[in-house]
């Protein structure tokens, strides 16, 4: 079992930046692909991006490709989501997820955190 806890959410102005963190416990993250998803009010959950187990390959949703960056530090069992130039419509709960494996993936995640809220407003 892997337990995931996200942090770093909050209120940010449009155009601002925010970095989210996801700390894992229970098992070393080094053999898990990690991802971030988000779910806005009245919307379905959507894939934001993923990072492979070694941290040298990433995959992003089209909306996140230029402005978002996912990194990881396996020695700290932590994954990060750096977000820049945030837009109002990106207000959402942001969720960290893990799946056993080595390659990036946009589905099939077995473990989920409780999420951290990001609100983009003036």
C-alpha atoms as a PDB file:
ATOM      1  CA  UNK A   1       0.000   0.000   0.000  1.00  0.00           C
ATOM      2  CA  UNK A   2       1.073   3.516  -0.784  1.00  0.00           C
ATOM      3  CA  UNK A   3      -0.304   6.512   1.067  1.00  0.00           C
ATOM      4  CA  UNK A   4      -0.161   9.890  -0.656  1.00  0.00           C
ATOM      5  CA  UNK A   5      -0.545  13.313   0.908  1.00  0.00           C
ATOM      6  CA  UNK A   6      -0.698  16.471  -1.171  1.00  0.00           C
ATOM      7  CA  UNK A   7       0.085  19.979   0.019  1.00  0.00           C
ATOM      8  CA  UNK A   8       0.776  23.433  -1.332  1.00  0.00           C
ATOM      9  CA  UNK A   9      -2.651  24.412  -2.574  1.00  0.00           C
ATOM     10  CA  UNK A  10      -4.243  27.760  -1.863  1.00  0.00           C
ATOM     11  CA  UNK A  11      -5.473  30.990  -3.354  1.00  0.00           C
ATOM     12  CA  UNK A  12      -3.462  32.463  -6.212  1.00  0.00           C
ATOM     13  CA  UNK A  13      -4.168  35.338  -8.577  1.00  0.00           C
ATOM     14  CA  UNK A  14      -4.593  34.740 -12.290  1.00  0.00           C
ATOM     15  CA  UNK A  15      -1.162  34.614 -13.857  1.00  0.00           C
ATOM     16  CA  UNK A  16       0.418  33.496 -10.619  1.00  0.00           C
ATOM     17  CA  UNK A  17       2.441  30.403  -9.786  1.00  0.00           C
ATOM     18  CA  UNK A  18       2.079  27.612  -7.281  1.00  0.00           C
ATOM     19  CA  UNK A  19       4.026  24.471  -6.453  1.00  0.00           C
ATOM     20  CA  UNK A  20       2.237  21.425  -5.144  1.00  0.00           C
ATOM     21  CA  UNK A  21       3.935  18.583  -3.313  1.00  0.00           C
ATOM     22  CA  UNK A  22       2.958  14.959  -2.864  1.00  0.00           C
ATOM     23  CA  UNK A  23       4.658  12.921  -0.176  1.00  0.00           C
ATOM     24  CA  UNK A  24       4.371   9.153  -0.245  1.00  0.00           C
ATOM     25  CA  UNK A  25       4.666   6.669   2.567  1.00  0.00           C
ATOM     26  CA  UNK A  26       4.299   2.933   2.897  1.00  0.00           C
ATOM     27  CA  UNK A  27       6.630   1.939   0.088  1.00  0.00           C
ATOM     28  CA  UNK A  28       9.546   3.542  -1.747  1.00  0.00           C
ATOM     29  CA  UNK A  29       8.373   5.526  -4.736  1.00  0.00           C
ATOM     30  CA  UNK A  30      11.250   4.482  -6.940  1.00  0.00           C
ATOM     31  CA  UNK A  31       9.210   1.746  -8.672  1.00  0.00           C
ATOM     32  CA  UNK A  32       6.057   3.787  -9.155  1.00  0.00           C
ATOM     33  CA  UNK A  33       4.900   5.993 -11.965  1.00  0.00           C
ATOM     34  CA  UNK A  34       3.352   9.147 -10.536  1.00  0.00           C
ATOM     35  CA  UNK A  35       0.755  11.521 -11.887  1.00  0.00           C
ATOM     36  CA  UNK A  36      -1.286  14.579 -11.129  1.00  0.00           C
ATOM     37  CA  UNK A  37      -4.990  14.886 -11.882  1.00  0.00           C
ATOM     38  CA  UNK A  38      -7.446  17.677 -11.191  1.00  0.00           C
ATOM     39  CA  UNK A  39     -11.181  18.036 -10.831  1.00  0.00           C
ATOM     40  CA  UNK A  40     -12.875  21.405 -11.064  1.00  0.00           C
ATOM     41  CA  UNK A  41     -16.377  22.260  -9.836  1.00  0.00           C
ATOM     42  CA  UNK A  42     -18.938  20.479 -11.963  1.00  0.00           C
ATOM     43  CA  UNK A  43     -16.249  18.867 -14.079  1.00  0.00           C
ATOM     44  CA  UNK A  44     -14.907  15.384 -14.492  1.00  0.00           C
ATOM     45  CA  UNK A  45     -11.488  14.487 -13.206  1.00  0.00           C
ATOM     46  CA  UNK A  46      -8.824  15.093 -15.812  1.00  0.00           C
ATOM     47  CA  UNK A  47      -5.238  14.036 -16.301  1.00  0.00           C
ATOM     48  CA  UNK A  48      -2.649  16.782 -15.859  1.00  0.00           C
ATOM     49  CA  UNK A  49       0.623  14.949 -16.292  1.00  0.00           C
ATOM     50  CA  UNK A  50       2.770  12.035 -15.232  1.00  0.00           C
ATOM     51  CA  UNK A  51       6.404  11.236 -14.542  1.00  0.00           C
ATOM     52  CA  UNK A  52       8.124   7.897 -14.877  1.00  0.00           C
ATOM     53  CA  UNK A  53       9.710   6.097 -11.958  1.00  0.00           C
ATOM     54  CA  UNK A  54      13.220   7.385 -12.573  1.00  0.00           C
ATOM     55  CA  UNK A  55      12.094  10.947 -13.234  1.00  0.00           C
ATOM     56  CA  UNK A  56      13.633  11.323 -16.673  1.00  0.00           C
ATOM     57  CA  UNK A  57      10.443  11.160 -18.701  1.00  0.00           C
ATOM     58  CA  UNK A  58       7.234  13.145 -18.412  1.00  0.00           C
ATOM     59  CA  UNK A  59       3.938  13.367 -20.240  1.00  0.00           C
ATOM     60  CA  UNK A  60       1.439  16.197 -20.035  1.00  0.00           C
ATOM     61  CA  UNK A  61      -2.075  17.001 -21.078  1.00  0.00           C
ATOM     62  CA  UNK A  62      -2.138  19.550 -23.885  1.00  0.00           C
ATOM     63  CA  UNK A  63      -3.331  22.275 -21.524  1.00  0.00           C
ATOM     64  CA  UNK A  64      -0.385  21.719 -19.191  1.00  0.00           C
ATOM     65  CA  UNK A  65       2.488  21.196 -21.610  1.00  0.00           C
ATOM     66  CA  UNK A  66       3.971  24.675 -21.555  1.00  0.00           C
ATOM     67  CA  UNK A  67       3.079  25.975 -18.105  1.00  0.00           C
ATOM     68  CA  UNK A  68       3.303  22.939 -15.804  1.00  0.00           C
ATOM     69  CA  UNK A  69       6.317  20.897 -14.752  1.00  0.00           C
ATOM     70  CA  UNK A  70       6.352  17.619 -12.825  1.00  0.00           C
ATOM     71  CA  UNK A  71       9.485  16.553 -10.997  1.00  0.00           C
ATOM     72  CA  UNK A  72      10.300  13.998  -8.347  1.00  0.00           C
ATOM     73  CA  UNK A  73      12.907  13.294  -5.705  1.00  0.00           C
ATOM     74  CA  UNK A  74      12.774   9.596  -4.975  1.00  0.00           C
ATOM     75  CA  UNK A  75      15.136   9.922  -2.028  1.00  0.00           C
ATOM     76  CA  UNK A  76      12.485  12.108  -0.417  1.00  0.00           C
ATOM     77  CA  UNK A  77       9.525  10.060  -1.678  1.00  0.00           C
ATOM     78  CA  UNK A  78       8.140  13.295  -3.060  1.00  0.00           C
ATOM     79  CA  UNK A  79       6.653  14.451  -6.347  1.00  0.00           C
ATOM     80  CA  UNK A  80       6.085  18.067  -7.308  1.00  0.00           C
ATOM     81  CA  UNK A  81       3.809  19.935  -9.660  1.00  0.00           C
ATOM     82  CA  UNK A  82       5.036  23.407 -10.563  1.00  0.00           C
ATOM     83  CA  UNK A  83       2.287  25.504 -12.124  1.00  0.00           C
ATOM     84  CA  UNK A  84       2.848  28.853 -13.819  1.00  0.00           C
ATOM     85  CA  UNK A  85       0.569  31.470 -15.347  1.00  0.00           C
ATOM     86  CA  UNK A  86      -2.484  29.937 -13.725  1.00  0.00           C
ATOM     87  CA  UNK A  87      -5.910  30.619 -15.161  1.00  0.00           C
ATOM     88  CA  UNK A  88      -9.251  31.006 -13.385  1.00  0.00           C
ATOM     89  CA  UNK A  89     -10.617  27.900 -15.064  1.00  0.00           C
ATOM     90  CA  UNK A  90      -7.844  25.874 -13.458  1.00  0.00           C
ATOM     91  CA  UNK A  91      -9.473  26.225 -10.078  1.00  0.00           C
ATOM     92  CA  UNK A  92      -9.771  22.624  -8.937  1.00  0.00           C
ATOM     93  CA  UNK A  93      -8.847  19.969  -6.460  1.00  0.00           C
ATOM     94  CA  UNK A  94      -5.455  18.605  -7.472  1.00  0.00           C
ATOM     95  CA  UNK A  95      -4.752  14.959  -6.786  1.00  0.00           C
ATOM     96  CA  UNK A  96      -1.571  12.943  -6.731  1.00  0.00           C
ATOM     97  CA  UNK A  97      -1.720   9.336  -7.916  1.00  0.00           C
ATOM     98  CA  UNK A  98       0.624   6.354  -8.109  1.00  0.00           C
ATOM     99  CA  UNK A  99       0.779   3.134 -10.055  1.00  0.00           C
ATOM    100  CA  UNK A 100       3.385   0.380 -10.015  1.00  0.00           C
ATOM    101  CA  UNK A 101       5.508   0.560 -13.128  1.00  0.00           C
ATOM    102  CA  UNK A 102       8.281   2.434 -14.872  1.00  0.00           C
ATOM    103  CA  UNK A 103       6.734   4.364 -17.756  1.00  0.00           C
ATOM    104  CA  UNK A 104       4.532   7.437 -17.950  1.00  0.00           C
ATOM    105  CA  UNK A 105       0.798   6.790 -18.116  1.00  0.00           C
ATOM    106  CA  UNK A 106      -2.421   8.781 -18.131  1.00  0.00           C
ATOM    107  CA  UNK A 107      -4.665   6.127 -16.594  1.00  0.00           C
ATOM    108  CA  UNK A 108      -4.698   3.002 -14.473  1.00  0.00           C
ATOM    109  CA  UNK A 109      -3.644   4.545 -11.174  1.00  0.00           C
ATOM    110  CA  UNK A 110      -4.202   2.510  -8.043  1.00  0.00           C
ATOM    111  CA  UNK A 111      -3.342   4.892  -5.247  1.00  0.00           C
ATOM    112  CA  UNK A 112      -4.718   8.377  -4.702  1.00  0.00           C
ATOM    113  CA  UNK A 113      -4.254  11.209  -2.281  1.00  0.00           C
ATOM    114  CA  UNK A 114      -7.053  13.243  -0.729  1.00  0.00           C
ATOM    115  CA  UNK A 115      -6.211  16.251  -2.861  1.00  0.00           C
ATOM    116  CA  UNK A 116      -5.288  19.865  -2.294  1.00  0.00           C
ATOM    117  CA  UNK A 117      -7.475  22.765  -3.401  1.00  0.00           C
ATOM    118  CA  UNK A 118      -6.168  25.383  -5.812  1.00  0.00           C
ATOM    119  CA  UNK A 119      -8.280  28.488  -6.287  1.00  0.00           C
ATOM    120  CA  UNK A 120      -7.336  30.962  -8.994  1.00  0.00           C
ATOM    121  CA  UNK A 121      -9.040  34.275  -8.350  1.00  0.00           C
ATOM    122  CA  UNK A 122      -8.266  37.975  -8.056  1.00  0.00           C
END
